[in-house]
Amino acid sequence: MFESAEPLRAEYAQLEAALADPEVHADPARARRTGRRYAELTGVVRALDEYAATRDDLEAARELADEDPAFAAEAEQLGVRLAEVTERLTRLLAPRDPNDSADALLEIKSGEGGEESALFAGDLLKMYTRYAESRGWSVEVLDSQETDLGGFKSVTVAVKARGDADPDNLPYGVLKFEGGVHRVQRVPVTETQGRIHTSAAGVLVMPEVEEADVEIDENDLRIDVFRSSGKGGQGVNTTDSAVRITHLPTGTVVSCQNERSQLQNKAQAMRVLRSRLAAAAAERAAAEASSARASQVRTVDRSERIRTYNFPENRIADHRIGFKAHNLDQVLAGDLSDLVAALQAAELSERLERAGANP
């Protein structure tokens, strides 16, 4: 059992050697990828070692129990321990998204509901920012289009973990469940008669990819510059510093205007473009693979309504897994722990089911 996982030991040894190589650390992106994969495999290799040791001890205890009944109790304890280790190792080895160990880019866009939708997009940004801070992640705004009342027509942020972050505490693996339509029911600040309105905002979550991972031909790009709009400091709205990049083969358009220079905005826009192209390619590959089933708890499609935020009842409901709780105020303050745990548990159940169907 678990013989198919043995090649992971060789990969682990190679990664360990790579981390001792100064050339690897000369490339920060490579060092970060290597370190995260090493941390991810550390738990697997340790569990494999524990499984092998416990299995051997159990076999020895059972043999001795035939001659000395005193070993029967030890064999029983080892059997329980082996079952626990087996379950843990099965979870660790269940097929998982390789992007779970990546940082994340979040795009939040207002939808139906006008200014109220833009304000709700701002509420979602605050929620994710506070949640990220609670997990020790950093949040960097790459681009934003703010409204007069402080909402957002659109905002794109990068969420990054520290280099030594736990493999189960990395942004994309946690935030990927947030992609889709988020619906809000409340009395808008613009409502004069106290009526409850329903509006929505869309969220797109993508793994941030390294420059070397996505090859983009400069000849496939059309780059336009324009004057930044909206709120900004000195110089932001007075020069043609904003950049719009169109990827001609796919028609993907990305714009950034938050930085002061064209070069900075172009660099930020390219970060977003790389992630969008990689996410689109992954989505096409999954759709084409007959064995790849769409997860009930994950989507990058903003057309799917995934969650409702009901202010009058202080209720939050995730429609994919039937999760409901009456702590909306705490969730919007950044306490997403229970909701994220429920979504991760549902995904793990699917992964284990697929692993059982494809041993």
Protein backbone atom coordinates (compact mmCIF):
# COMPACT_ATOMS: atom_id res chain seq x y z
CA MET A 1 0.00 0.00 0.00
CA PHE A 2 1.20 3.52 -0.88
CA GLU A 3 3.96 2.09 -3.07
CA SER A 4 2.97 4.57 -5.79
CA ALA A 5 3.96 7.39 -3.45
CA GLU A 6 7.56 6.23 -3.14
CA PRO A 7 8.80 8.44 -6.03
CA LEU A 8 7.90 11.39 -3.83
CA ARG A 9 10.82 10.44 -1.59
CA ALA A 10 13.22 10.90 -4.50
CA GLU A 11 11.66 14.26 -5.35
CA TYR A 12 11.93 15.27 -1.70
CA ALA A 13 15.65 14.40 -1.65
CA GLN A 14 16.21 16.38 -4.85
CA LEU A 15 14.43 19.40 -3.40
CA GLU A 16 16.47 19.13 -0.21
CA ALA A 17 19.66 19.18 -2.26
CA ALA A 18 18.38 22.10 -4.33
CA LEU A 19 17.71 24.16 -1.22
CA ALA A 20 21.37 23.79 -0.30
CA ASP A 21 22.44 25.09 -3.72
CA PRO A 22 23.36 28.82 -3.75
CA GLU A 23 22.33 29.05 -7.43
CA VAL A 24 18.73 28.23 -6.48
CA HIS A 25 18.65 31.04 -3.94
CA ALA A 26 20.06 33.46 -6.50
CA ASP A 27 16.66 33.23 -8.20
CA PRO A 28 14.05 34.29 -5.59
CA ALA A 29 11.11 32.93 -7.59
CA ARG A 30 12.76 29.53 -8.02
CA ALA A 31 13.78 29.44 -4.37
CA ARG A 32 10.21 30.23 -3.31
CA ARG A 33 8.74 27.50 -5.52
CA THR A 34 11.33 24.97 -4.33
CA GLY A 35 10.80 25.84 -0.67
CA ARG A 36 7.03 25.56 -0.89
CA ARG A 37 7.14 22.20 -2.69
CA TYR A 38 9.67 20.94 -0.14
CA ALA A 39 7.40 22.02 2.72
CA GLU A 40 4.44 20.36 1.00
CA LEU A 41 6.29 17.05 0.65
CA THR A 42 7.73 17.14 4.17
CA GLY A 43 4.41 16.10 5.69
CA VAL A 44 3.94 13.36 3.09
CA VAL A 45 7.41 11.85 3.58
CA ARG A 46 7.10 11.94 7.36
CA ALA A 47 3.71 10.24 7.14
CA LEU A 48 5.16 7.59 4.81
CA ASP A 49 7.96 6.95 7.32
CA GLU A 50 5.49 6.74 10.19
CA TYR A 51 3.24 4.39 8.21
CA ALA A 52 6.14 2.05 7.38
CA ALA A 53 7.45 2.02 10.95
CA THR A 54 4.00 1.46 12.49
CA ARG A 55 3.19 -1.30 9.99
CA ASP A 56 6.47 -3.11 10.78
CA ASP A 57 5.92 -2.74 14.53
CA LEU A 58 2.40 -4.12 14.18
CA GLU A 59 3.59 -7.16 12.24
CA ALA A 60 6.27 -7.83 14.88
CA ALA A 61 3.79 -7.42 17.75
CA ARG A 62 1.33 -9.84 16.11
CA GLU A 63 4.07 -12.45 15.66
CA LEU A 64 5.15 -12.08 19.29
CA ALA A 65 1.53 -12.22 20.47
CA ASP A 66 1.32 -15.79 19.17
CA GLU A 67 3.99 -16.74 21.72
CA ASP A 68 3.28 -14.19 24.46
CA PRO A 69 -0.31 -12.90 24.97
CA ALA A 70 1.13 -9.77 26.64
CA PHE A 71 1.89 -8.42 23.17
CA ALA A 72 -1.75 -8.65 22.08
CA ALA A 73 -2.66 -5.36 23.75
CA GLU A 74 0.29 -3.62 22.08
CA ALA A 75 -0.74 -5.06 18.73
CA GLU A 76 -4.25 -3.69 19.23
CA GLN A 77 -2.91 -0.19 20.02
CA LEU A 78 -0.62 -0.31 16.99
CA GLY A 79 -3.56 -1.34 14.82
CA VAL A 80 -5.50 1.74 15.89
CA ARG A 81 -2.48 3.94 15.29
CA LEU A 82 -1.89 2.41 11.84
CA ALA A 83 -5.49 3.14 10.87
CA GLU A 84 -5.04 6.78 11.91
CA VAL A 85 -1.78 7.13 9.97
CA THR A 86 -3.34 5.46 6.93
CA GLU A 87 -6.25 7.91 6.97
CA ARG A 88 -3.92 10.91 7.30
CA LEU A 89 -1.65 9.67 4.52
CA THR A 90 -4.64 9.00 2.26
CA ARG A 91 -5.75 12.61 2.73
CA LEU A 92 -2.25 13.89 1.97
CA LEU A 93 -1.96 11.81 -1.19
CA ALA A 94 -5.46 12.48 -2.55
CA PRO A 95 -5.25 14.29 -5.93
CA ARG A 96 -5.04 18.02 -5.32
CA ASP A 97 -4.77 21.19 -7.31
CA PRO A 98 -1.05 21.86 -7.90
CA ASN A 99 -1.83 25.58 -7.66
CA ASP A 100 -2.87 25.24 -4.01
CA SER A 101 0.66 26.22 -3.02
CA ALA A 102 0.56 29.47 -5.04
CA ASP A 103 -0.15 33.04 -4.06
CA ALA A 104 -3.40 34.46 -5.39
CA LEU A 105 -4.80 37.31 -7.44
CA LEU A 106 -8.34 38.44 -6.66
CA GLU A 107 -10.46 40.53 -8.99
CA ILE A 108 -13.64 41.99 -7.52
CA LYS A 109 -16.09 43.73 -9.84
CA SER A 110 -19.39 45.41 -9.13
CA GLY A 111 -22.38 43.98 -10.95
CA GLU A 112 -26.11 44.56 -10.88
CA GLY A 113 -27.11 47.22 -8.40
CA GLY A 114 -25.15 50.31 -9.46
CA GLU A 115 -23.53 52.23 -6.60
CA GLU A 116 -24.80 49.73 -4.02
CA SER A 117 -23.00 46.93 -5.87
CA ALA A 118 -19.81 49.00 -5.91
CA LEU A 119 -20.09 49.57 -2.16
CA PHE A 120 -20.57 45.84 -1.64
CA ALA A 121 -17.46 45.16 -3.76
CA GLY A 122 -15.63 47.43 -1.31
CA ASP A 123 -17.05 45.45 1.61
CA LEU A 124 -15.76 42.23 0.05
CA LEU A 125 -12.33 43.78 -0.39
CA LYS A 126 -12.24 44.75 3.30
CA MET A 127 -13.39 41.26 4.28
CA TYR A 128 -10.66 39.54 2.28
CA THR A 129 -8.02 42.02 3.44
CA ARG A 130 -8.84 41.47 7.11
CA TYR A 131 -8.95 37.72 6.63
CA ALA A 132 -5.59 37.77 4.84
CA GLU A 133 -4.05 39.81 7.65
CA SER A 134 -5.37 37.31 10.21
CA ARG A 135 -3.46 34.56 8.39
CA GLY A 136 -0.27 36.57 8.11
CA TRP A 137 -0.61 37.30 4.38
CA SER A 138 0.08 40.61 2.67
CA VAL A 139 -2.38 42.32 0.32
CA GLU A 140 -1.21 44.54 -2.53
CA VAL A 141 -3.66 46.56 -4.63
CA LEU A 142 -2.64 46.23 -8.29
CA ASP A 143 -5.45 48.21 -9.87
CA SER A 144 -8.70 49.84 -8.76
CA GLN A 145 -11.52 51.98 -10.08
CA GLU A 146 -13.12 53.69 -7.11
CA THR A 147 -16.53 55.38 -7.06
CA ASP A 148 -17.51 58.70 -5.50
CA LEU A 149 -19.06 56.99 -2.45
CA GLY A 150 -15.98 54.89 -1.75
CA GLY A 151 -17.04 51.70 -3.51
CA PHE A 152 -15.25 49.94 -6.35
CA LYS A 153 -16.30 49.35 -9.92
CA SER A 154 -13.30 47.03 -10.07
CA VAL A 155 -10.34 46.22 -7.87
CA THR A 156 -7.52 43.71 -8.32
CA VAL A 157 -5.29 42.64 -5.46
CA ALA A 158 -2.38 40.25 -4.98
CA VAL A 159 -2.43 38.14 -1.82
CA LYS A 160 0.96 36.76 -0.84
CA ALA A 161 2.17 34.49 1.95
CA ARG A 162 5.54 34.59 3.65
CA GLY A 163 8.22 32.38 2.19
CA ASP A 164 8.10 30.02 5.19
CA ALA A 165 4.31 29.69 5.26
CA ASP A 166 2.71 26.36 6.09
CA PRO A 167 1.72 24.39 2.93
CA ASP A 168 -1.90 24.38 4.13
CA ASN A 169 -1.82 28.13 4.72
CA LEU A 170 -1.21 29.46 1.21
CA PRO A 171 -3.49 32.01 -0.44
CA TYR A 172 -4.76 30.29 -3.57
CA GLY A 173 -5.47 26.97 -1.86
CA VAL A 174 -7.65 28.81 0.66
CA LEU A 175 -9.21 31.59 -1.42
CA LYS A 176 -9.96 29.64 -4.61
CA PHE A 177 -13.44 28.87 -3.29
CA GLU A 178 -14.38 32.56 -3.46
CA GLY A 179 -14.73 32.71 -7.25
CA GLY A 180 -18.28 33.44 -8.40
CA VAL A 181 -21.19 35.78 -7.80
CA HIS A 182 -21.68 37.12 -4.28
CA ARG A 183 -25.21 38.41 -3.69
CA VAL A 184 -26.11 40.94 -1.00
CA GLN A 185 -29.53 41.75 0.46
CA ARG A 186 -29.70 44.94 2.51
CA VAL A 187 -30.99 48.51 2.65
CA PRO A 188 -28.54 50.56 0.55
CA VAL A 189 -27.19 53.86 1.85
CA THR A 190 -28.74 55.42 -1.25
CA GLU A 191 -32.24 54.12 -0.35
CA THR A 192 -34.48 56.79 1.14
CA GLN A 193 -37.52 54.64 1.93
CA GLY A 194 -35.85 51.80 3.83
CA ARG A 195 -36.47 49.12 1.22
CA ILE A 196 -34.24 46.06 1.00
CA HIS A 197 -32.40 45.77 -2.31
CA THR A 198 -30.59 42.84 -3.86
CA SER A 199 -27.36 43.42 -5.75
CA ALA A 200 -24.25 41.43 -6.55
CA ALA A 201 -20.51 41.58 -7.09
CA GLY A 202 -18.33 39.13 -8.99
CA VAL A 203 -15.10 37.64 -7.70
CA LEU A 204 -12.43 35.95 -9.80
CA VAL A 205 -9.60 34.10 -8.05
CA MET A 206 -6.46 33.07 -9.92
CA PRO A 207 -3.14 31.57 -8.85
CA GLU A 208 -0.33 34.05 -9.37
CA VAL A 209 2.13 32.54 -11.80
CA GLU A 210 5.80 33.29 -12.25
CA GLU A 211 7.01 35.06 -15.37
CA ALA A 212 8.91 31.96 -16.47
CA ASP A 213 5.77 29.80 -16.25
CA VAL A 214 3.78 31.61 -18.95
CA GLU A 215 5.40 32.55 -22.23
CA ILE A 216 3.89 35.65 -23.82
CA ASP A 217 5.04 36.91 -27.20
CA GLU A 218 5.42 40.70 -27.16
CA ASN A 219 4.11 40.69 -30.75
CA ASP A 220 0.81 39.36 -29.43
CA LEU A 221 0.30 42.43 -27.25
CA ARG A 222 -1.27 45.80 -27.98
CA ILE A 223 -0.31 48.32 -25.33
CA ASP A 224 -2.24 51.57 -24.93
CA VAL A 225 -1.53 54.33 -22.43
CA PHE A 226 -4.06 56.78 -21.04
CA ARG A 227 -4.60 59.20 -18.21
CA SER A 228 -5.56 57.66 -14.86
CA SER A 229 -9.05 58.38 -13.58
CA GLY A 230 -10.56 58.45 -10.13
CA LYS A 231 -8.87 59.24 -6.86
CA GLY A 232 -5.10 59.51 -6.70
CA GLY A 233 -2.13 61.41 -5.41
CA GLN A 234 -0.01 64.00 -7.13
CA GLY A 235 0.86 63.04 -10.66
CA VAL A 236 -1.48 60.05 -10.88
CA ASN A 237 -4.20 61.92 -12.75
CA THR A 238 -2.02 64.38 -14.66
CA THR A 239 0.09 62.13 -16.89
CA ASP A 240 -0.57 59.28 -19.33
CA SER A 241 0.69 56.71 -16.84
CA ALA A 242 -2.18 54.21 -16.99
CA VAL A 243 -1.61 51.14 -19.17
CA ARG A 244 -4.04 48.88 -21.01
CA ILE A 245 -2.70 45.62 -22.44
CA THR A 246 -4.68 43.57 -24.96
CA HIS A 247 -3.60 40.00 -25.63
CA LEU A 248 -4.59 39.78 -29.28
CA PRO A 249 -4.87 35.96 -29.70
CA THR A 250 -7.36 35.65 -26.84
CA GLY A 251 -8.82 39.15 -26.64
CA THR A 252 -7.92 39.34 -22.95
CA VAL A 253 -7.71 42.95 -21.76
CA VAL A 254 -5.96 44.09 -18.59
CA SER A 255 -5.49 47.65 -17.40
CA CYS A 256 -3.61 49.12 -14.44
CA GLN A 257 -3.49 52.72 -13.30
CA ASN A 258 -2.59 52.75 -9.60
CA GLU A 259 1.14 53.26 -9.99
CA ARG A 260 2.81 56.56 -10.92
CA SER A 261 4.71 55.38 -13.99
CA GLN A 262 3.89 53.53 -17.19
CA LEU A 263 6.60 50.96 -16.47
CA GLN A 264 5.18 50.15 -13.04
CA ASN A 265 1.64 49.89 -14.36
CA LYS A 266 2.78 47.72 -17.26
CA ALA A 267 4.56 45.37 -14.86
CA GLN A 268 1.43 45.06 -12.71
CA ALA A 269 -0.77 44.54 -15.76
CA MET A 270 1.53 41.77 -17.01
CA ARG A 271 1.24 40.01 -13.64
CA VAL A 272 -2.53 39.96 -14.01
CA LEU A 273 -2.40 38.97 -17.69
CA ARG A 274 -0.13 36.00 -16.98
CA SER A 275 -2.47 34.74 -14.30
CA ARG A 276 -5.56 35.22 -16.46
CA LEU A 277 -4.03 33.34 -19.38
CA ALA A 278 -2.85 30.51 -17.12
CA ALA A 279 -6.27 30.24 -15.46
CA ALA A 280 -8.03 30.18 -18.84
CA ALA A 281 -5.69 27.46 -20.10
CA ALA A 282 -6.27 25.37 -16.97
CA GLU A 283 -10.02 25.77 -17.33
CA ARG A 284 -9.91 24.62 -20.95
CA ALA A 285 -7.77 21.62 -20.04
CA ALA A 286 -10.17 20.60 -17.29
CA ALA A 287 -13.15 20.93 -19.61
CA GLU A 288 -11.46 18.80 -22.25
CA ALA A 289 -10.43 16.04 -19.82
CA SER A 290 -13.26 13.55 -19.56
CA SER A 291 -12.13 12.46 -16.11
CA ALA A 292 -12.04 16.02 -14.73
CA ARG A 293 -15.28 16.82 -12.96
CA ALA A 294 -16.13 20.38 -12.01
CA SER A 295 -15.91 20.72 -8.25
CA GLN A 296 -19.07 21.78 -6.47
CA VAL A 297 -17.06 24.15 -4.28
CA ARG A 298 -14.78 25.82 -6.79
CA THR A 299 -15.34 28.06 -9.76
CA VAL A 300 -13.61 30.86 -11.63
CA ASP A 301 -16.86 31.75 -13.39
CA ARG A 302 -18.39 34.99 -12.18
CA SER A 303 -21.76 33.92 -13.63
CA GLU A 304 -22.36 31.33 -10.89
CA ARG A 305 -24.05 32.61 -7.74
CA ILE A 306 -22.21 31.02 -4.88
CA ARG A 307 -23.16 32.96 -1.75
CA THR A 308 -25.75 35.30 -0.25
CA TYR A 309 -25.11 37.94 2.42
CA ASN A 310 -28.41 38.80 4.12
CA PHE A 311 -28.01 41.84 6.36
CA PRO A 312 -31.53 41.96 7.94
CA GLU A 313 -31.06 38.39 9.26
CA ASN A 314 -27.28 38.72 9.84
CA ARG A 315 -27.08 35.54 7.77
CA ILE A 316 -24.53 34.19 5.32
CA ALA A 317 -25.32 31.21 3.09
CA ASP A 318 -23.03 29.34 0.70
CA HIS A 319 -25.24 27.66 -1.87
CA ARG A 320 -22.73 25.07 -3.04
CA ILE A 321 -22.44 23.17 0.23
CA GLY A 322 -25.57 24.30 2.09
CA PHE A 323 -23.56 26.24 4.67
CA LYS A 324 -25.56 28.76 6.73
CA ALA A 325 -24.57 30.88 9.70
CA HIS A 326 -25.97 33.92 11.48
CA ASN A 327 -22.67 35.73 12.01
CA LEU A 328 -22.53 37.90 8.91
CA ASP A 329 -21.12 40.82 10.88
CA GLN A 330 -18.17 38.68 12.01
CA VAL A 331 -17.61 37.28 8.51
CA LEU A 332 -17.46 40.75 6.97
CA ALA A 333 -14.99 41.67 9.71
CA GLY A 334 -12.69 38.97 8.33
CA ASP A 335 -13.68 35.86 10.30
CA LEU A 336 -14.01 33.40 7.42
CA SER A 337 -12.55 30.47 9.35
CA ASP A 338 -15.73 28.37 9.72
CA LEU A 339 -16.82 28.97 6.14
CA VAL A 340 -13.39 28.18 4.71
CA ALA A 341 -13.15 25.02 6.85
CA ALA A 342 -16.53 23.82 5.54
CA LEU A 343 -15.52 24.46 1.93
CA GLN A 344 -12.18 22.73 2.37
CA ALA A 345 -13.88 19.73 4.00
CA ALA A 346 -16.28 19.45 1.06
CA GLU A 347 -13.41 19.61 -1.41
CA LEU A 348 -11.43 17.01 0.55
CA SER A 349 -14.43 14.69 0.46
CA GLU A 350 -14.55 15.04 -3.32
CA ARG A 351 -10.82 14.43 -3.63
CA LEU A 352 -11.02 11.28 -1.52
CA GLU A 353 -14.02 10.09 -3.54
CA ARG A 354 -12.10 10.58 -6.78
CA ALA A 355 -9.06 8.83 -5.31
CA GLY A 356 -11.27 5.88 -4.36
CA ALA A 357 -12.77 5.77 -7.83
CA ASN A 358 -9.32 5.91 -9.45
CA PRO A 359 -6.96 3.90 -7.23
